[in-house]
Amino acid sequence: MIAIIDYGSGNIQAIKNIYKRLSIESEFVSIPEQLEKASRIILAGVGAFDESMHQLSQSGMLDSLNYFVLEKKVPVLGICVGMQIMAVSSEEGRLPGLGWFSAKVKKINKEELVYKPKIPHMGWNVVKPAKPHALFEDIIVDKGFYFLHSYYFECHNQEDIFAFTTYGKKFASAIHRENIFGFQFHPEKSHMNGVNLFKNFAELA
């Protein structure tokens, strides 16, 4: 069963609808005990870093999430702010993140960009895998994925970068280490590329 964490942040109904179309079992999970039967976990998020961390803490899920991800090694997929809270901290807020990656979330600085695109980064963009992986099977790279963000994930360990995107400059649009995956883009808004990504995540060995 794919557990979709329901902590008050993220477009989780769209994700569940995709899995329903794929005839893959998924459930909204809002209490720690429900994670016991999870074979996969999805942590979506929208909005501000601090608000997402506050909501996750208030939900009572934080300790159980750390246990199942870090100790039991259940595969987890973070989406947008659900990826960003996997960092140690963020320039957007004051609360600590989950700290699953040695990384900091930083605001996109127009002064550092090669050209001056609009902020937030909104719309379709190409995501180029940094390394081959089953999660990217049947993904049409040139069609890309849908983005909506003003902050980006700065990895301190370059080996954690799973894919790159260029928007004014190159940044990590996906991260990966062991059983933990994160995507800055929104696969639930990315048509067949997104559907295939969710399917691949469900089928990971």
C-alpha atoms as a PDB file:
ATOM      1  CA  MET A   1       0.000   0.000   0.000  1.00  0.00           C
ATOM      2  CA  ILE A   2       1.229   3.485  -0.868  1.00  0.00           C
ATOM      3  CA  ALA A   3       0.752   5.815   2.074  1.00  0.00           C
ATOM      4  CA  ILE A   4       0.020   9.425   1.070  1.00  0.00           C
ATOM      5  CA  ILE A   5       0.753  11.529   4.148  1.00  0.00           C
ATOM      6  CA  ASP A   6      -2.215  13.768   4.978  1.00  0.00           C
ATOM      7  CA  TYR A   7      -0.872  16.536   7.200  1.00  0.00           C
ATOM      8  CA  GLY A   8      -2.764  19.451   5.704  1.00  0.00           C
ATOM      9  CA  SER A   9      -0.289  20.377   2.964  1.00  0.00           C
ATOM     10  CA  GLY A  10      -0.120  19.280  -0.660  1.00  0.00           C
ATOM     11  CA  ASN A  11      -2.297  18.311  -3.598  1.00  0.00           C
ATOM     12  CA  ILE A  12      -2.844  14.789  -2.296  1.00  0.00           C
ATOM     13  CA  GLN A  13      -6.221  14.087  -3.929  1.00  0.00           C
ATOM     14  CA  ALA A  14      -4.656  14.422  -7.384  1.00  0.00           C
ATOM     15  CA  ILE A  15      -2.020  11.844  -6.416  1.00  0.00           C
ATOM     16  CA  LYS A  16      -4.633   9.403  -5.135  1.00  0.00           C
ATOM     17  CA  ASN A  17      -6.655   9.866  -8.344  1.00  0.00           C
ATOM     18  CA  ILE A  18      -3.607   8.901 -10.416  1.00  0.00           C
ATOM     19  CA  TYR A  19      -3.050   5.722  -8.414  1.00  0.00           C
ATOM     20  CA  LYS A  20      -6.744   4.881  -8.694  1.00  0.00           C
ATOM     21  CA  ARG A  21      -6.458   5.140 -12.498  1.00  0.00           C
ATOM     22  CA  LEU A  22      -3.413   2.882 -12.358  1.00  0.00           C
ATOM     23  CA  SER A  23      -5.289   0.354 -10.146  1.00  0.00           C
ATOM     24  CA  ILE A  24      -2.568   0.692  -7.501  1.00  0.00           C
ATOM     25  CA  GLU A  25      -3.649   0.713  -3.850  1.00  0.00           C
ATOM     26  CA  SER A  26      -3.058   3.965  -1.996  1.00  0.00           C
ATOM     27  CA  GLU A  27      -4.454   5.516   1.156  1.00  0.00           C
ATOM     28  CA  PHE A  28      -4.389   8.856   2.918  1.00  0.00           C
ATOM     29  CA  VAL A  29      -2.492   8.416   6.179  1.00  0.00           C
ATOM     30  CA  SER A  30      -3.004  10.826   9.070  1.00  0.00           C
ATOM     31  CA  ILE A  31      -2.052   8.784  12.167  1.00  0.00           C
ATOM     32  CA  PRO A  32       1.223   6.948  12.886  1.00  0.00           C
ATOM     33  CA  GLU A  33      -0.360   3.507  13.159  1.00  0.00           C
ATOM     34  CA  GLN A  34      -1.429   3.619   9.503  1.00  0.00           C
ATOM     35  CA  LEU A  35       2.193   3.624   8.383  1.00  0.00           C
ATOM     36  CA  GLU A  36       2.644   0.042   9.605  1.00  0.00           C
ATOM     37  CA  LYS A  37       1.286  -1.420   6.364  1.00  0.00           C
ATOM     38  CA  ALA A  38       2.924   1.081   4.005  1.00  0.00           C
ATOM     39  CA  SER A  39       5.235  -0.274   1.309  1.00  0.00           C
ATOM     40  CA  ARG A  40       5.827   3.259  -0.053  1.00  0.00           C
ATOM     41  CA  ILE A  41       5.337   6.756   1.378  1.00  0.00           C
ATOM     42  CA  ILE A  42       4.541   9.994  -0.466  1.00  0.00           C
ATOM     43  CA  LEU A  43       5.160  13.324   1.259  1.00  0.00           C
ATOM     44  CA  ALA A  44       3.653  16.163  -0.764  1.00  0.00           C
ATOM     45  CA  GLY A  45       3.710  19.823   0.197  1.00  0.00           C
ATOM     46  CA  VAL A  46       2.787  23.296  -0.979  1.00  0.00           C
ATOM     47  CA  GLY A  47       3.272  26.730   0.549  1.00  0.00           C
ATOM     48  CA  ALA A  48       5.839  27.757   3.132  1.00  0.00           C
ATOM     49  CA  PHE A  49       8.608  25.636   4.681  1.00  0.00           C
ATOM     50  CA  ASP A  50       7.864  26.548   8.316  1.00  0.00           C
ATOM     51  CA  GLU A  51       4.130  26.001   7.934  1.00  0.00           C
ATOM     52  CA  SER A  52       4.702  22.556   6.431  1.00  0.00           C
ATOM     53  CA  MET A  53       7.092  21.549   9.225  1.00  0.00           C
ATOM     54  CA  HIS A  54       4.663  22.910  11.834  1.00  0.00           C
ATOM     55  CA  GLN A  55       1.751  20.990  10.338  1.00  0.00           C
ATOM     56  CA  LEU A  56       3.794  17.807  10.134  1.00  0.00           C
ATOM     57  CA  SER A  57       4.846  18.154  13.787  1.00  0.00           C
ATOM     58  CA  GLN A  58       1.288  18.913  14.878  1.00  0.00           C
ATOM     59  CA  SER A  59      -0.010  15.866  13.024  1.00  0.00           C
ATOM     60  CA  GLY A  60       1.885  13.530  15.354  1.00  0.00           C
ATOM     61  CA  MET A  61       3.437  11.796  12.329  1.00  0.00           C
ATOM     62  CA  LEU A  62       6.979  13.158  12.579  1.00  0.00           C
ATOM     63  CA  ASP A  63       8.591  10.511  14.810  1.00  0.00           C
ATOM     64  CA  SER A  64       6.897   7.639  12.983  1.00  0.00           C
ATOM     65  CA  LEU A  65       7.897   9.067   9.612  1.00  0.00           C
ATOM     66  CA  ASN A  66      11.525   9.261  10.712  1.00  0.00           C
ATOM     67  CA  TYR A  67      11.362   5.693  12.007  1.00  0.00           C
ATOM     68  CA  PHE A  68       9.873   4.128   8.878  1.00  0.00           C
ATOM     69  CA  VAL A  69      12.071   6.098   6.480  1.00  0.00           C
ATOM     70  CA  LEU A  70      15.395   6.072   8.337  1.00  0.00           C
ATOM     71  CA  GLU A  71      15.192   2.808  10.277  1.00  0.00           C
ATOM     72  CA  LYS A  72      12.851   0.558   8.280  1.00  0.00           C
ATOM     73  CA  LYS A  73      14.053   2.037   4.954  1.00  0.00           C
ATOM     74  CA  VAL A  74      10.565   2.341   3.436  1.00  0.00           C
ATOM     75  CA  PRO A  75      10.889   4.178   0.090  1.00  0.00           C
ATOM     76  CA  VAL A  76       9.638   7.757   0.349  1.00  0.00           C
ATOM     77  CA  LEU A  77       8.949  10.363  -2.332  1.00  0.00           C
ATOM     78  CA  GLY A  78       8.847  14.060  -1.433  1.00  0.00           C
ATOM     79  CA  ILE A  79       7.168  16.527  -3.780  1.00  0.00           C
ATOM     80  CA  CYS A  80       7.843  20.301  -3.931  1.00  0.00           C
ATOM     81  CA  VAL A  81       7.871  21.541  -0.308  1.00  0.00           C
ATOM     82  CA  GLY A  82       7.672  17.858   0.668  1.00  0.00           C
ATOM     83  CA  MET A  83      11.149  17.610  -0.860  1.00  0.00           C
ATOM     84  CA  GLN A  84      12.385  20.895   0.606  1.00  0.00           C
ATOM     85  CA  ILE A  85      11.591  19.898   4.204  1.00  0.00           C
ATOM     86  CA  MET A  86      13.989  16.960   3.755  1.00  0.00           C
ATOM     87  CA  ALA A  87      16.821  19.537   4.074  1.00  0.00           C
ATOM     88  CA  VAL A  88      18.414  20.713   7.316  1.00  0.00           C
ATOM     89  CA  SER A  89      17.023  24.239   7.028  1.00  0.00           C
ATOM     90  CA  SER A  90      15.562  26.851   4.700  1.00  0.00           C
ATOM     91  CA  GLU A  91      16.104  30.542   4.067  1.00  0.00           C
ATOM     92  CA  GLU A  92      12.321  30.770   3.905  1.00  0.00           C
ATOM     93  CA  GLY A  93      11.845  30.049   7.613  1.00  0.00           C
ATOM     94  CA  ARG A  94      13.340  29.414  11.031  1.00  0.00           C
ATOM     95  CA  LEU A  95      12.213  25.894  11.889  1.00  0.00           C
ATOM     96  CA  PRO A  96      14.591  22.977  11.313  1.00  0.00           C
ATOM     97  CA  GLY A  97      13.784  20.580   8.487  1.00  0.00           C
ATOM     98  CA  LEU A  98      13.776  16.800   8.648  1.00  0.00           C
ATOM     99  CA  GLY A  99      17.529  16.751   8.028  1.00  0.00           C
ATOM    100  CA  TRP A 100      17.431  13.669   5.809  1.00  0.00           C
ATOM    101  CA  PHE A 101      19.869  15.369   3.435  1.00  0.00           C
ATOM    102  CA  SER A 102      22.867  17.571   4.144  1.00  0.00           C
ATOM    103  CA  ALA A 103      21.325  20.508   2.306  1.00  0.00           C
ATOM    104  CA  LYS A 104      19.815  23.954   2.642  1.00  0.00           C
ATOM    105  CA  VAL A 105      16.832  25.407   0.810  1.00  0.00           C
ATOM    106  CA  LYS A 106      17.729  28.787  -0.684  1.00  0.00           C
ATOM    107  CA  LYS A 107      15.736  31.546  -2.359  1.00  0.00           C
ATOM    108  CA  ILE A 108      16.272  31.873  -6.099  1.00  0.00           C
ATOM    109  CA  ASN A 109      18.437  34.986  -6.477  1.00  0.00           C
ATOM    110  CA  LYS A 110      17.848  36.835  -9.751  1.00  0.00           C
ATOM    111  CA  GLU A 111      21.269  38.460  -9.468  1.00  0.00           C
ATOM    112  CA  GLU A 112      22.941  35.043  -9.810  1.00  0.00           C
ATOM    113  CA  LEU A 113      21.031  34.009 -12.915  1.00  0.00           C
ATOM    114  CA  VAL A 114      22.572  34.015 -16.392  1.00  0.00           C
ATOM    115  CA  TYR A 115      19.429  35.664 -17.709  1.00  0.00           C
ATOM    116  CA  LYS A 116      16.539  37.123 -15.743  1.00  0.00           C
ATOM    117  CA  PRO A 117      13.519  34.807 -15.903  1.00  0.00           C
ATOM    118  CA  LYS A 118      10.407  35.473 -13.876  1.00  0.00           C
ATOM    119  CA  ILE A 119      10.265  34.397 -10.244  1.00  0.00           C
ATOM    120  CA  PRO A 120       8.568  32.203  -9.143  1.00  0.00           C
ATOM    121  CA  HIS A 121       9.693  29.555 -11.603  1.00  0.00           C
ATOM    122  CA  MET A 122       6.314  28.528 -12.967  1.00  0.00           C
ATOM    123  CA  GLY A 123       5.512  26.269 -15.887  1.00  0.00           C
ATOM    124  CA  TRP A 124       7.044  23.387 -17.800  1.00  0.00           C
ATOM    125  CA  ASN A 125      10.752  22.678 -17.856  1.00  0.00           C
ATOM    126  CA  VAL A 126      13.109  19.852 -18.803  1.00  0.00           C
ATOM    127  CA  VAL A 127      14.382  17.561 -16.050  1.00  0.00           C
ATOM    128  CA  LYS A 128      17.646  15.814 -16.949  1.00  0.00           C
ATOM    129  CA  PRO A 129      18.570  12.754 -14.857  1.00  0.00           C
ATOM    130  CA  ALA A 130      22.055  12.882 -13.359  1.00  0.00           C
ATOM    131  CA  LYS A 131      22.228   9.083 -13.372  1.00  0.00           C
ATOM    132  CA  PRO A 132      20.210   6.202 -14.818  1.00  0.00           C
ATOM    133  CA  HIS A 133      17.454   4.900 -12.566  1.00  0.00           C
ATOM    134  CA  ALA A 134      14.276   2.850 -12.865  1.00  0.00           C
ATOM    135  CA  LEU A 135      12.259   5.820 -11.642  1.00  0.00           C
ATOM    136  CA  PHE A 136      12.926   7.590 -14.952  1.00  0.00           C
ATOM    137  CA  GLU A 137      11.800   4.707 -17.197  1.00  0.00           C
ATOM    138  CA  ASP A 138       9.264   5.767 -19.876  1.00  0.00           C
ATOM    139  CA  ILE A 139       9.856   9.444 -19.053  1.00  0.00           C
ATOM    140  CA  ILE A 140      10.051  11.695 -22.131  1.00  0.00           C
ATOM    141  CA  VAL A 141      12.798  14.079 -21.047  1.00  0.00           C
ATOM    142  CA  ASP A 142      12.031  16.797 -23.598  1.00  0.00           C
ATOM    143  CA  LYS A 143       8.411  17.069 -22.443  1.00  0.00           C
ATOM    144  CA  GLY A 144       9.551  17.878 -18.915  1.00  0.00           C
ATOM    145  CA  PHE A 145       7.547  18.454 -15.755  1.00  0.00           C
ATOM    146  CA  TYR A 146       5.507  21.267 -14.219  1.00  0.00           C
ATOM    147  CA  PHE A 147       7.228  23.589 -11.714  1.00  0.00           C
ATOM    148  CA  LEU A 148       6.007  26.228  -9.283  1.00  0.00           C
ATOM    149  CA  HIS A 149       8.615  27.456  -6.769  1.00  0.00           C
ATOM    150  CA  SER A 150      10.736  30.395  -5.606  1.00  0.00           C
ATOM    151  CA  TYR A 151      13.218  28.352  -3.552  1.00  0.00           C
ATOM    152  CA  TYR A 152      15.618  25.620  -4.591  1.00  0.00           C
ATOM    153  CA  PHE A 153      17.397  22.726  -2.875  1.00  0.00           C
ATOM    154  CA  GLU A 154      21.159  23.177  -2.496  1.00  0.00           C
ATOM    155  CA  CYS A 155      22.843  19.820  -1.830  1.00  0.00           C
ATOM    156  CA  HIS A 156      26.111  19.845   0.082  1.00  0.00           C
ATOM    157  CA  ASN A 157      26.798  16.342  -1.264  1.00  0.00           C
ATOM    158  CA  GLN A 158      26.745  16.346  -5.068  1.00  0.00           C
ATOM    159  CA  GLU A 159      26.074  12.595  -5.101  1.00  0.00           C
ATOM    160  CA  ASP A 160      22.591  13.318  -3.714  1.00  0.00           C
ATOM    161  CA  ILE A 161      21.595  15.163  -6.902  1.00  0.00           C
ATOM    162  CA  PHE A 162      19.265  12.943  -8.922  1.00  0.00           C
ATOM    163  CA  ALA A 163      18.346  15.331 -11.758  1.00  0.00           C
ATOM    164  CA  PHE A 164      19.042  18.865 -12.967  1.00  0.00           C
ATOM    165  CA  THR A 165      16.921  21.636 -14.448  1.00  0.00           C
ATOM    166  CA  THR A 166      18.068  24.940 -15.915  1.00  0.00           C
ATOM    167  CA  TYR A 167      16.122  28.113 -15.170  1.00  0.00           C
ATOM    168  CA  GLY A 168      18.531  31.017 -15.324  1.00  0.00           C
ATOM    169  CA  LYS A 169      21.099  28.613 -13.929  1.00  0.00           C
ATOM    170  CA  LYS A 170      21.307  24.870 -13.312  1.00  0.00           C
ATOM    171  CA  PHE A 171      19.814  23.597 -10.051  1.00  0.00           C
ATOM    172  CA  ALA A 172      18.942  20.239  -8.491  1.00  0.00           C
ATOM    173  CA  SER A 173      15.339  19.474  -9.442  1.00  0.00           C
ATOM    174  CA  ALA A 174      15.468  15.956  -7.954  1.00  0.00           C
ATOM    175  CA  ILE A 175      17.406  14.330  -5.130  1.00  0.00           C
ATOM    176  CA  HIS A 176      18.036  10.734  -4.114  1.00  0.00           C
ATOM    177  CA  ARG A 177      19.863   8.763  -1.481  1.00  0.00           C
ATOM    178  CA  GLU A 178      19.131   5.118  -0.664  1.00  0.00           C
ATOM    179  CA  ASN A 179      15.340   4.859  -0.151  1.00  0.00           C
ATOM    180  CA  ILE A 180      14.677   8.624  -0.186  1.00  0.00           C
ATOM    181  CA  PHE A 181      13.605  10.526  -3.319  1.00  0.00           C
ATOM    182  CA  GLY A 182      12.587  14.152  -3.744  1.00  0.00           C
ATOM    183  CA  PHE A 183      11.235  16.195  -6.662  1.00  0.00           C
ATOM    184  CA  GLN A 184      10.986  19.975  -6.851  1.00  0.00           C
ATOM    185  CA  PHE A 185       8.452  19.727  -9.677  1.00  0.00           C
ATOM    186  CA  HIS A 186       4.834  18.550  -9.476  1.00  0.00           C
ATOM    187  CA  PRO A 187       4.418  15.117 -11.107  1.00  0.00           C
ATOM    188  CA  GLU A 188       0.693  15.188 -10.237  1.00  0.00           C
ATOM    189  CA  LYS A 189       0.379  18.148 -12.667  1.00  0.00           C
ATOM    190  CA  SER A 190       2.717  16.759 -15.335  1.00  0.00           C
ATOM    191  CA  HIS A 191       0.439  14.588 -17.502  1.00  0.00           C
ATOM    192  CA  MET A 192       1.874  11.249 -18.667  1.00  0.00           C
ATOM    193  CA  ASN A 193       5.396  11.951 -17.452  1.00  0.00           C
ATOM    194  CA  GLY A 194       3.981  12.385 -13.970  1.00  0.00           C
ATOM    195  CA  VAL A 195       1.762   9.319 -14.230  1.00  0.00           C
ATOM    196  CA  ASN A 196       4.725   7.211 -15.332  1.00  0.00           C
ATOM    197  CA  LEU A 197       6.849   8.546 -12.503  1.00  0.00           C
ATOM    198  CA  PHE A 198       4.210   7.583  -9.909  1.00  0.00           C
ATOM    199  CA  LYS A 199       3.878   4.170 -11.546  1.00  0.00           C
ATOM    200  CA  ASN A 200       7.638   3.646 -11.473  1.00  0.00           C
ATOM    201  CA  PHE A 201       7.794   4.629  -7.817  1.00  0.00           C
ATOM    202  CA  ALA A 202       5.115   2.065  -6.967  1.00  0.00           C
ATOM    203  CA  GLU A 203       7.042  -0.641  -8.838  1.00  0.00           C
ATOM    204  CA  LEU A 204      10.530   0.024  -7.473  1.00  0.00           C
ATOM    205  CA  ALA A 205      12.305  -3.191  -6.466  1.00  0.00           C
END
